[in-house]
Amino acid sequence: MTVNVNDKIRRLSAAQRKAVETRAAELIAEEMTLRELRRARKLTQVRIAKALGITQDSVSRLEKRSDLLLSTLRKTIKAMGGTLALVAEFPDRPPVVLSGIAQDDPMPKPAARKPAEAHAPRAG
């Protein structure tokens, strides 16, 4: 016998239906594109562009990309008022928050090397 989900939902009490709807909304909210996230935050591409120091067209292109640098994603999320955290999920353990990857300059940059001629002996 086939079970129709709508029939099942109709048989739930009002409180049960509300709980199902609330959980469904939570699950839907857990996954968004950058565009959906920006819209959910009630922000325009122009406002994000100004915060990032780029054009509105660049924000549009950024939202369509499927492969971003973490630094670009971090800056975009920051422009929306948030912070970026990366979580690694495995089937055999709880999720792990990765540190030092999505932060601003997690490690200091190496000092610049002096030009080779600075080390050459002077002719005298």
Protein backbone atom coordinates (compact mmCIF):
# COMPACT_ATOMS: atom_id res chain seq x y z
CA MET A 1 0.00 0.00 0.00
CA THR A 2 1.34 3.40 -1.01
CA VAL A 3 1.53 6.10 1.67
CA ASN A 4 0.96 9.69 0.59
CA VAL A 5 2.93 12.23 2.61
CA ASN A 6 0.12 14.78 2.38
CA ASP A 7 -2.29 12.28 3.95
CA LYS A 8 0.20 11.67 6.76
CA ILE A 9 0.61 15.40 7.37
CA ARG A 10 -3.17 15.94 7.45
CA ARG A 11 -3.45 13.34 10.21
CA LEU A 12 -0.98 15.19 12.44
CA SER A 13 -2.16 17.50 15.19
CA ALA A 14 -1.69 21.24 14.72
CA ALA A 15 1.28 21.17 17.13
CA GLN A 16 2.89 18.28 15.24
CA ARG A 17 2.40 20.02 11.88
CA LYS A 18 3.95 23.20 13.29
CA ALA A 19 6.95 21.21 14.55
CA VAL A 20 7.41 19.57 11.14
CA GLU A 21 7.16 22.94 9.36
CA THR A 22 9.64 24.53 11.78
CA ARG A 23 12.16 21.72 11.30
CA ALA A 24 11.72 21.84 7.52
CA ALA A 25 12.45 25.58 7.56
CA GLU A 26 15.57 24.95 9.67
CA LEU A 27 16.83 22.33 7.22
CA ILE A 28 16.18 24.59 4.25
CA ALA A 29 17.98 27.48 5.98
CA GLU A 30 21.07 25.33 6.61
CA GLU A 31 21.99 25.34 2.93
CA MET A 32 21.98 28.48 0.80
CA THR A 33 23.84 29.89 -2.14
CA LEU A 34 25.73 33.15 -1.62
CA ARG A 35 22.95 34.96 -3.48
CA GLU A 36 20.26 33.41 -1.25
CA LEU A 37 22.30 34.25 1.84
CA ARG A 38 22.73 37.87 0.73
CA ARG A 39 19.00 38.16 0.06
CA ALA A 40 18.13 36.54 3.39
CA ARG A 41 20.31 39.19 5.05
CA LYS A 42 18.34 41.82 3.08
CA LEU A 43 21.49 43.16 1.41
CA THR A 44 21.91 44.41 -2.14
CA GLN A 45 24.74 43.56 -4.50
CA VAL A 46 25.61 47.27 -4.53
CA ARG A 47 26.04 47.34 -0.75
CA ILE A 48 28.21 44.21 -0.79
CA ALA A 49 30.24 45.65 -3.69
CA LYS A 50 30.93 48.85 -1.72
CA ALA A 51 32.01 46.84 1.33
CA LEU A 52 34.35 44.72 -0.81
CA GLY A 53 35.63 47.59 -2.93
CA ILE A 54 34.46 45.97 -6.19
CA THR A 55 31.69 46.61 -8.72
CA GLN A 56 28.11 45.33 -8.49
CA ASP A 57 28.77 43.29 -11.62
CA SER A 58 31.71 41.59 -9.86
CA VAL A 59 29.43 40.64 -6.96
CA SER A 60 26.95 39.15 -9.44
CA ARG A 61 29.72 37.07 -11.04
CA LEU A 62 31.05 36.05 -7.63
CA GLU A 63 27.60 34.77 -6.60
CA LYS A 64 27.44 32.59 -9.71
CA ARG A 65 30.83 30.95 -9.19
CA SER A 66 31.02 27.42 -7.87
CA ASP A 67 34.71 27.61 -6.94
CA LEU A 68 35.95 30.48 -4.76
CA LEU A 69 39.14 31.20 -2.90
CA LEU A 70 38.55 30.90 0.84
CA SER A 71 39.82 34.45 1.29
CA THR A 72 37.21 35.73 -1.19
CA LEU A 73 34.44 33.77 0.53
CA ARG A 74 35.60 34.98 3.95
CA LYS A 75 35.60 38.63 2.81
CA THR A 76 32.14 38.23 1.25
CA ILE A 77 30.69 36.70 4.41
CA LYS A 78 32.34 39.45 6.47
CA ALA A 79 30.75 42.07 4.18
CA MET A 80 27.39 40.47 5.02
CA GLY A 81 28.12 40.86 8.74
CA GLY A 82 29.15 37.28 9.45
CA THR A 83 32.22 35.15 9.97
CA LEU A 84 33.30 32.07 8.05
CA ALA A 85 33.97 28.75 9.78
CA LEU A 86 34.95 25.59 7.96
CA VAL A 87 33.71 22.27 9.29
CA ALA A 88 34.99 18.86 8.24
CA GLU A 89 32.42 16.09 8.60
CA PHE A 90 33.27 12.39 8.83
CA PRO A 91 30.96 9.39 9.15
CA ASP A 92 32.85 7.99 12.17
CA ARG A 93 33.22 11.07 14.39
CA PRO A 94 31.62 14.39 15.31
CA PRO A 95 32.25 17.38 13.00
CA VAL A 96 35.59 19.17 13.35
CA VAL A 97 35.95 22.94 13.00
CA LEU A 98 39.11 23.62 11.00
CA SER A 99 41.27 26.38 12.41
CA GLY A 100 43.80 28.61 10.69
CA ILE A 101 42.25 28.24 7.25
CA ALA A 102 39.47 30.80 6.97
CA GLN A 103 40.89 33.50 9.24
CA ASP A 104 42.64 36.71 8.23
CA ASP A 105 46.36 36.01 7.79
CA PRO A 106 46.49 32.92 10.07
CA MET A 107 50.28 32.76 9.76
CA PRO A 108 52.73 35.64 9.30
CA LYS A 109 54.15 35.97 5.82
CA PRO A 110 57.88 35.25 5.43
CA ALA A 111 60.13 38.30 5.31
CA ALA A 112 61.04 39.49 1.85
CA ARG A 113 64.47 38.44 0.62
CA LYS A 114 67.02 41.09 -0.17
CA PRO A 115 68.05 41.48 -3.81
CA ALA A 116 71.12 39.45 -4.81
CA GLU A 117 73.22 42.56 -5.50
CA ALA A 118 72.85 43.66 -1.88
CA HIS A 119 74.97 40.62 -0.91
CA ALA A 120 77.65 41.10 -3.58
CA PRO A 121 80.99 42.54 -2.42
CA ARG A 122 81.58 46.14 -3.39
CA ALA A 123 84.26 46.96 -5.89
CA GLY A 124 86.75 49.37 -4.48
